[in-house]
PDB file of N, CA and C in Angstrom:
ATOM      1  N   MET A   1      96.175  64.704 132.249  1.00  0.00           N
ATOM      2  CA  MET A   1      95.639  65.778 130.998  1.00  0.00           C
ATOM      3  C   MET A   1      96.485  67.261 131.637  1.00  0.00           C
ATOM      4  N   HIS A   2      96.201  68.211 130.780  1.00  0.00           N
ATOM      5  CA  HIS A   2      96.748  69.467 130.438  1.00  0.00           C
ATOM      6  C   HIS A   2      95.751  69.837 131.641  1.00  0.00           C
ATOM      7  N   ASP A   3      96.384  71.658 132.250  1.00  0.00           N
ATOM      8  CA  ASP A   3      95.837  72.581 132.509  1.00  0.00           C
ATOM      9  C   ASP A   3      95.185  73.556 132.454  1.00  0.00           C
ATOM     10  N   PHE A   4      95.150  73.531 131.213  1.00  0.00           N
ATOM     11  CA  PHE A   4      94.142  74.703 131.120  1.00  0.00           C
ATOM     12  C   PHE A   4      93.510  76.193 131.223  1.00  0.00           C
ATOM     13  N   LYS A   5      94.255  77.282 130.915  1.00  0.00           N
ATOM     14  CA  LYS A   5      94.550  78.350 131.484  1.00  0.00           C
ATOM     15  C   LYS A   5      94.019  79.267 129.782  1.00  0.00           C
ATOM     16  N   VAL A   6      93.648  80.114 130.618  1.00  0.00           N
ATOM     17  CA  VAL A   6      93.402  81.718 129.822  1.00  0.00           C
ATOM     18  C   VAL A   6      94.627  81.832 129.078  1.00  0.00           C
ATOM     19  N   GLY A   7      94.364  82.017 127.354  1.00  0.00           N
ATOM     20  CA  GLY A   7      95.396  82.836 126.787  1.00  0.00           C
ATOM     21  C   GLY A   7      96.559  81.421 126.333  1.00  0.00           C
ATOM     22  N   ASP A   8      95.722  80.192 126.735  1.00  0.00           N
ATOM     23  CA  ASP A   8      96.567  78.900 125.646  1.00  0.00           C
ATOM     24  C   ASP A   8      95.700  78.596 124.289  1.00  0.00           C
ATOM     25  N   ARG A   9      97.132  77.959 123.803  1.00  0.00           N
ATOM     26  CA  ARG A   9      96.098  78.044 122.631  1.00  0.00           C
ATOM     27  C   ARG A   9      95.426  76.369 122.067  1.00  0.00           C
ATOM     28  N   VAL A  10      94.544  76.009 121.504  1.00  0.00           N
ATOM     29  CA  VAL A  10      93.442  74.431 121.189  1.00  0.00           C
ATOM     30  C   VAL A  10      93.456  74.933 120.762  1.00  0.00           C
ATOM     31  N   ARG A  11      93.329  73.232 119.705  1.00  0.00           N
ATOM     32  CA  ARG A  11      92.446  72.266 118.684  1.00  0.00           C
ATOM     33  C   ARG A  11      91.157  71.364 119.471  1.00  0.00           C
ATOM     34  N   ILE A  12      90.065  71.755 118.755  1.00  0.00           N
ATOM     35  CA  ILE A  12      89.217  70.485 118.983  1.00  0.00           C
ATOM     36  C   ILE A  12      89.443  69.558 118.460  1.00  0.00           C
ATOM     37  N   LEU A  13      88.813  68.552 119.602  1.00  0.00           N
ATOM     38  CA  LEU A  13      89.329  67.498 118.970  1.00  0.00           C
ATOM     39  C   LEU A  13      87.745  66.658 118.806  1.00  0.00           C
ATOM     40  N   PRO A  14      87.305  65.568 117.627  1.00  0.00           N
ATOM     41  CA  PRO A  14      86.279  65.071 117.298  1.00  0.00           C
ATOM     42  C   PRO A  14      85.903  64.816 118.446  1.00  0.00           C
ATOM     43  N   GLY A  15      83.969  64.704 118.668  1.00  0.00           N
ATOM     44  CA  GLY A  15      83.352  64.251 119.018  1.00  0.00           C
ATOM     45  C   GLY A  15      82.252  64.831 119.010  1.00  0.00           C
ATOM     46  N   VAL A  16      81.479  64.963 120.026  1.00  0.00           N
ATOM     47  CA  VAL A  16      79.952  66.232 119.525  1.00  0.00           C
ATOM     48  C   VAL A  16      80.241  67.505 119.346  1.00  0.00           C
ATOM     49  N   ALA A  17      81.301  68.250 119.267  1.00  0.00           N
ATOM     50  CA  ALA A  17      81.044  69.210 118.323  1.00  0.00           C
ATOM     51  C   ALA A  17      81.855  69.103 117.525  1.00  0.00           C
ATOM     52  N   THR A  18      81.154  68.261 116.369  1.00  0.00           N
ATOM     53  CA  THR A  18      81.941  67.950 115.396  1.00  0.00           C
ATOM     54  C   THR A  18      81.869  69.660 114.481  1.00  0.00           C
ATOM     55  N   PRO A  19      80.462  70.591 114.555  1.00  0.00           N
ATOM     56  CA  PRO A  19      81.287  71.145 113.732  1.00  0.00           C
ATOM     57  C   PRO A  19      82.503  72.387 113.591  1.00  0.00           C
ATOM     58  N   PHE A  20      82.689  72.160 114.826  1.00  0.00           N
ATOM     59  CA  PHE A  20      83.797  72.692 115.527  1.00  0.00           C
ATOM     60  C   PHE A  20      85.463  71.741 115.087  1.00  0.00           C
ATOM     61  N   VAL A  21      84.687  70.596 115.479  1.00  0.00           N
ATOM     62  CA  VAL A  21      86.207  70.079 115.134  1.00  0.00           C
ATOM     63  C   VAL A  21      87.660  70.377 114.570  1.00  0.00           C
ATOM     64  N   GLY A  22      88.365  70.408 115.332  1.00  0.00           N
ATOM     65  CA  GLY A  22      89.814  71.074 113.810  1.00  0.00           C
ATOM     66  C   GLY A  22      90.293  72.548 114.356  1.00  0.00           C
ATOM     67  N   MET A  23      89.467  72.644 114.003  1.00  0.00           N
ATOM     68  CA  MET A  23      89.879  74.247 114.280  1.00  0.00           C
ATOM     69  C   MET A  23      90.568  74.821 115.297  1.00  0.00           C
ATOM     70  N   ASP A  24      90.788  75.550 116.210  1.00  0.00           N
ATOM     71  CA  ASP A  24      91.937  76.757 116.633  1.00  0.00           C
ATOM     72  C   ASP A  24      91.229  77.415 117.172  1.00  0.00           C
ATOM     73  N   GLY A  25      92.313  77.483 118.504  1.00  0.00           N
ATOM     74  CA  GLY A  25      91.303  78.732 118.734  1.00  0.00           C
ATOM     75  C   GLY A  25      91.963  78.928 119.734  1.00  0.00           C
ATOM     76  N   THR A  26      91.293  80.051 120.588  1.00  0.00           N
ATOM     77  CA  THR A  26      92.396  80.369 122.541  1.00  0.00           C
ATOM     78  C   THR A  26      91.675  80.389 123.122  1.00  0.00           C
ATOM     79  N   ILE A  27      91.286  79.645 125.156  1.00  0.00           N
ATOM     80  CA  ILE A  27      90.738  80.223 125.500  1.00  0.00           C
ATOM     81  C   ILE A  27      90.760  81.335 126.058  1.00  0.00           C
ATOM     82  N   CYS A  28      89.336  81.768 125.845  1.00  0.00           N
ATOM     83  CA  CYS A  28      89.604  83.530 126.996  1.00  0.00           C
ATOM     84  C   CYS A  28      88.425  83.252 128.497  1.00  0.00           C
ATOM     85  N   GLU A  29      87.675  82.045 128.958  1.00  0.00           N
ATOM     86  CA  GLU A  29      87.617  82.291 130.122  1.00  0.00           C
ATOM     87  C   GLU A  29      87.464  80.529 131.034  1.00  0.00           C
ATOM     88  N   VAL A  30      87.999  80.350 131.647  1.00  0.00           N
ATOM     89  CA  VAL A  30      87.622  79.692 132.359  1.00  0.00           C
ATOM     90  C   VAL A  30      86.766  79.247 133.971  1.00  0.00           C
ATOM     91  N   ARG A  31      86.036  78.323 133.263  1.00  0.00           N
ATOM     92  CA  ARG A  31      84.800  78.816 134.315  1.00  0.00           C
ATOM     93  C   ARG A  31      84.873  77.724 134.626  1.00  0.00           C
ATOM     94  N   GLN A  32      85.129  77.177 136.371  1.00  0.00           N
ATOM     95  CA  GLN A  32      85.179  76.301 137.322  1.00  0.00           C
ATOM     96  C   GLN A  32      83.488  74.938 137.538  1.00  0.00           C
ATOM     97  N   HIS A  33      83.333  74.159 137.967  1.00  0.00           N
ATOM     98  CA  HIS A  33      82.391  73.652 137.736  1.00  0.00           C
ATOM     99  C   HIS A  33      82.184  73.976 139.883  1.00  0.00           C
ATOM    100  N   ASP A  34      80.844  73.740 139.477  1.00  0.00           N
ATOM    101  CA  ASP A  34      79.584  74.874 140.868  1.00  0.00           C
ATOM    102  C   ASP A  34      80.242  73.865 142.488  1.00  0.00           C
ATOM    103  N   GLU A  35      80.686  72.739 141.860  1.00  0.00           N
ATOM    104  CA  GLU A  35      80.873  71.279 142.739  1.00  0.00           C
ATOM    105  C   GLU A  35      81.924  70.856 142.889  1.00  0.00           C
ATOM    106  N   GLY A  36      82.817  71.655 142.558  1.00  0.00           N
ATOM    107  CA  GLY A  36      84.812  71.479 141.859  1.00  0.00           C
ATOM    108  C   GLY A  36      85.074  70.241 140.688  1.00  0.00           C
ATOM    109  N   ILE A  37      84.219  69.653 139.814  1.00  0.00           N
ATOM    110  CA  ILE A  37      84.603  68.452 139.229  1.00  0.00           C
ATOM    111  C   ILE A  37      85.262  68.800 138.590  1.00  0.00           C
ATOM    112  N   GLU A  38      85.984  68.425 138.500  1.00  0.00           N
ATOM    113  CA  GLU A  38      87.792  68.850 137.474  1.00  0.00           C
ATOM    114  C   GLU A  38      86.758  68.582 135.464  1.00  0.00           C
ATOM    115  N   THR A  39      86.747  67.602 136.024  1.00  0.00           N
ATOM    116  CA  THR A  39      85.582  66.861 134.404  1.00  0.00           C
ATOM    117  C   THR A  39      84.939  67.700 133.632  1.00  0.00           C
ATOM    118  N   MET A  40      84.599  68.091 134.667  1.00  0.00           N
ATOM    119  CA  MET A  40      83.133  69.424 134.030  1.00  0.00           C
ATOM    120  C   MET A  40      82.980  70.480 134.300  1.00  0.00           C
ATOM    121  N   THR A  41      84.618  71.089 134.148  1.00  0.00           N
ATOM    122  CA  THR A  41      84.776  72.893 133.899  1.00  0.00           C
ATOM    123  C   THR A  41      84.733  73.076 132.744  1.00  0.00           C
ATOM    124  N   LYS A  42      83.872  74.373 132.814  1.00  0.00           N
ATOM    125  CA  LYS A  42      83.974  75.204 130.951  1.00  0.00           C
ATOM    126  C   LYS A  42      85.412  75.376 130.038  1.00  0.00           C
ATOM    127  N   LEU A  43      85.886  75.430 128.775  1.00  0.00           N
ATOM    128  CA  LEU A  43      86.948  76.296 128.874  1.00  0.00           C
ATOM    129  C   LEU A  43      86.107  76.980 127.741  1.00  0.00           C
ATOM    130  N   PHE A  44      85.728  77.879 127.745  1.00  0.00           N
ATOM    131  CA  PHE A  44      85.463  78.752 127.028  1.00  0.00           C
ATOM    132  C   PHE A  44      86.620  79.366 125.605  1.00  0.00           C
ATOM    133  N   VAL A  45      86.329  78.925 124.253  1.00  0.00           N
ATOM    134  CA  VAL A  45      86.987  79.461 123.116  1.00  0.00           C
ATOM    135  C   VAL A  45      86.623  80.163 122.588  1.00  0.00           C
ATOM    136  N   VAL A  46      87.534  81.571 122.508  1.00  0.00           N
ATOM    137  CA  VAL A  46      87.023  82.543 121.538  1.00  0.00           C
ATOM    138  C   VAL A  46      87.891  82.323 119.377  1.00  0.00           C
ATOM    139  N   PHE A  47      87.430  82.252 118.564  1.00  0.00           N
ATOM    140  CA  PHE A  47      88.087  81.804 117.543  1.00  0.00           C
ATOM    141  C   PHE A  47      88.246  83.219 116.255  1.00  0.00           C
ATOM    142  N   SER A  48      89.439  82.422 115.159  1.00  0.00           N
ATOM    143  CA  SER A  48      89.252  84.174 115.151  1.00  0.00           C
ATOM    144  C   SER A  48      88.531  84.679 113.987  1.00  0.00           C
ATOM    145  N   ARG A  49      87.167  83.736 113.659  1.00  0.00           N
ATOM    146  CA  ARG A  49      86.502  85.006 113.396  1.00  0.00           C
ATOM    147  C   ARG A  49      85.183  85.418 114.418  1.00  0.00           C
ATOM    148  N   LYS A  50      85.409  85.524 115.461  1.00  0.00           N
ATOM    149  CA  LYS A  50      85.516  86.260 116.490  1.00  0.00           C
ATOM    150  C   LYS A  50      84.143  85.042 117.656  1.00  0.00           C
ATOM    151  N   GLU A  51      83.891  84.538 117.045  1.00  0.00           N
ATOM    152  CA  GLU A  51      82.761  82.432 117.254  1.00  0.00           C
ATOM    153  C   GLU A  51      83.503  82.329 119.291  1.00  0.00           C
ATOM    154  N   LYS A  52      82.225  83.050 119.813  1.00  0.00           N
ATOM    155  CA  LYS A  52      82.967  82.015 121.164  1.00  0.00           C
ATOM    156  C   LYS A  52      81.995  80.203 121.618  1.00  0.00           C
ATOM    157  N   ARG A  53      82.655  79.856 121.372  1.00  0.00           N
ATOM    158  CA  ARG A  53      81.911  77.836 122.694  1.00  0.00           C
ATOM    159  C   ARG A  53      82.669  78.245 123.266  1.00  0.00           C
ATOM    160  N   ALA A  54      82.059  77.034 124.362  1.00  0.00           N
ATOM    161  CA  ALA A  54      82.518  76.307 125.312  1.00  0.00           C
ATOM    162  C   ALA A  54      82.375  74.728 125.465  1.00  0.00           C
ATOM    163  N   PHE A  55      83.779  74.362 125.720  1.00  0.00           N
ATOM    164  CA  PHE A  55      84.125  73.102 125.783  1.00  0.00           C
ATOM    165  C   PHE A  55      84.617  72.270 127.461  1.00  0.00           C
ATOM    166  N   TYR A  56      84.003  71.403 126.810  1.00  0.00           N
ATOM    167  CA  TYR A  56      84.986  70.396 128.059  1.00  0.00           C
ATOM    168  C   TYR A  56      86.767  69.855 127.317  1.00  0.00           C
ATOM    169  N   ARG A  57      86.925  70.209 129.173  1.00  0.00           N
ATOM    170  CA  ARG A  57      89.046  69.306 128.004  1.00  0.00           C
ATOM    171  C   ARG A  57      89.562  68.071 127.763  1.00  0.00           C
ATOM    172  N   MET A  58      87.977  67.847 128.151  1.00  0.00           N
ATOM    173  CA  MET A  58      88.127  65.739 126.993  1.00  0.00           C
ATOM    174  C   MET A  58      87.753  66.181 125.653  1.00  0.00           C
ATOM    175  N   GLU A  59      87.423  66.713 125.340  1.00  0.00           N
ATOM    176  CA  GLU A  59      87.223  67.773 124.459  1.00  0.00           C
ATOM    177  C   GLU A  59      88.261  68.569 122.755  1.00  0.00           C
ATOM    178  N   LEU A  60      89.201  68.962 123.690  1.00  0.00           N
ATOM    179  CA  LEU A  60      90.604  69.702 123.268  1.00  0.00           C
ATOM    180  C   LEU A  60      91.701  69.234 123.876  1.00  0.00           C
ATOM    181  N   LEU A  61      91.847  70.073 122.630  1.00  0.00           N
ATOM    182  CA  LEU A  61      93.619  69.129 122.082  1.00  0.00           C
ATOM    183  C   LEU A  61      95.087  70.023 122.983  1.00  0.00           C
ATOM    184  N   HIS A  62      95.767  71.183 123.839  1.00  0.00           N
ATOM    185  CA  HIS A  62      97.058  71.877 123.926  1.00  0.00           C
ATOM    186  C   HIS A  62      97.668  71.779 122.294  1.00  0.00           C
ATOM    187  N   LEU A  63      97.744  72.725 122.143  1.00  0.00           N
ATOM    188  CA  LEU A  63      98.954  73.776 121.062  1.00  0.00           C
ATOM    189  C   LEU A  63      99.542  73.917 122.278  1.00  0.00           C
ATOM    190  N   PRO A  64     100.744  73.653 121.286  1.00  0.00           N
ATOM    191  CA  PRO A  64     102.429  74.234 122.157  1.00  0.00           C
ATOM    192  C   PRO A  64     102.692  76.127 121.536  1.00  0.00           C
ATOM    193  N   LYS A  65     102.654  76.325 122.225  1.00  0.00           N
ATOM    194  CA  LYS A  65     102.998  78.378 122.354  1.00  0.00           C
ATOM    195  C   LYS A  65     104.312  78.342 120.694  1.00  0.00           C
ATOM    196  N   GLN A  66     103.722  78.671 119.855  1.00  0.00           N
ATOM    197  CA  GLN A  66     104.404  78.640 118.600  1.00  0.00           C
ATOM    198  C   GLN A  66     105.971  79.482 118.976  1.00  0.00           C
ATOM    199  N   THR A  67     106.242  79.967 117.912  1.00  0.00           N
ATOM    200  CA  THR A  67     107.665  80.998 117.714  1.00  0.00           C
ATOM    201  C   THR A  67     107.923  81.979 117.212  1.00  0.00           C
ATOM    202  N   ASN A  68     108.092  82.783 117.245  1.00  0.00           N
ATOM    203  CA  ASN A  68     108.293  83.296 116.184  1.00  0.00           C
ATOM    204  C   ASN A  68     109.903  83.658 115.562  1.00  0.00           C
ATOM    205  N   VAL A  69     109.508  83.291 114.278  1.00  0.00           N
ATOM    206  CA  VAL A  69     111.072  82.471 113.309  1.00  0.00           C
ATOM    207  C   VAL A  69     111.230  83.288 112.430  1.00  0.00           C
ATOM    208  N   LYS A  70     112.327  83.380 112.395  1.00  0.00           N
ATOM    209  CA  LYS A  70     111.881  84.910 110.916  1.00  0.00           C
ATOM    210  C   LYS A  70     112.277  83.474 109.258  1.00  0.00           C
ATOM    211  N   GLU A  71     112.534  84.090 109.253  1.00  0.00           N
ATOM    212  CA  GLU A  71     112.820  83.320 107.590  1.00  0.00           C
ATOM    213  C   GLU A  71     114.673  83.996 106.865  1.00  0.00           C
ATOM    214  N   ALA A  72     115.110  83.159 105.991  1.00  0.00           N
ATOM    215  CA  ALA A  72     116.499  83.298 106.297  1.00  0.00           C
ATOM    216  C   ALA A  72     116.386  85.386 105.505  1.00  0.00           C
ATOM    217  N   GLY A  73     117.265  85.779 105.311  1.00  0.00           N
ATOM    218  CA  GLY A  73     117.442  87.096 104.308  1.00  0.00           C
ATOM    219  C   GLY A  73     116.048  88.294 104.721  1.00  0.00           C
ATOM    220  N   THR A  74     115.574  87.801 106.246  1.00  0.00           N
ATOM    221  CA  THR A  74     114.606  88.955 106.645  1.00  0.00           C
ATOM    222  C   THR A  74     115.710  89.712 107.711  1.00  0.00           C
ATOM    223  N   PRO A  75     115.448  91.082 107.844  1.00  0.00           N
ATOM    224  CA  PRO A  75     116.311  91.844 109.034  1.00  0.00           C
ATOM    225  C   PRO A  75     115.312  91.658 110.119  1.00  0.00           C
TER     226      PRO A  75
END
């Protein structure tokens, strides 16, 4: 399982977060569970519409960092 951190890009997986399934966003806050239960850590994701929602790690897929690839012929 991936150890998520602020700034990570994620995709919402199918499950209980139905309206957000397939959407990509960025983790903006990680809130640890009061008793240290890792699976209950809340990960807050902000989407392109500036909407912010909390998810659990099992609801998220970590997306690899994008590299800026210039198209041929651009300076």
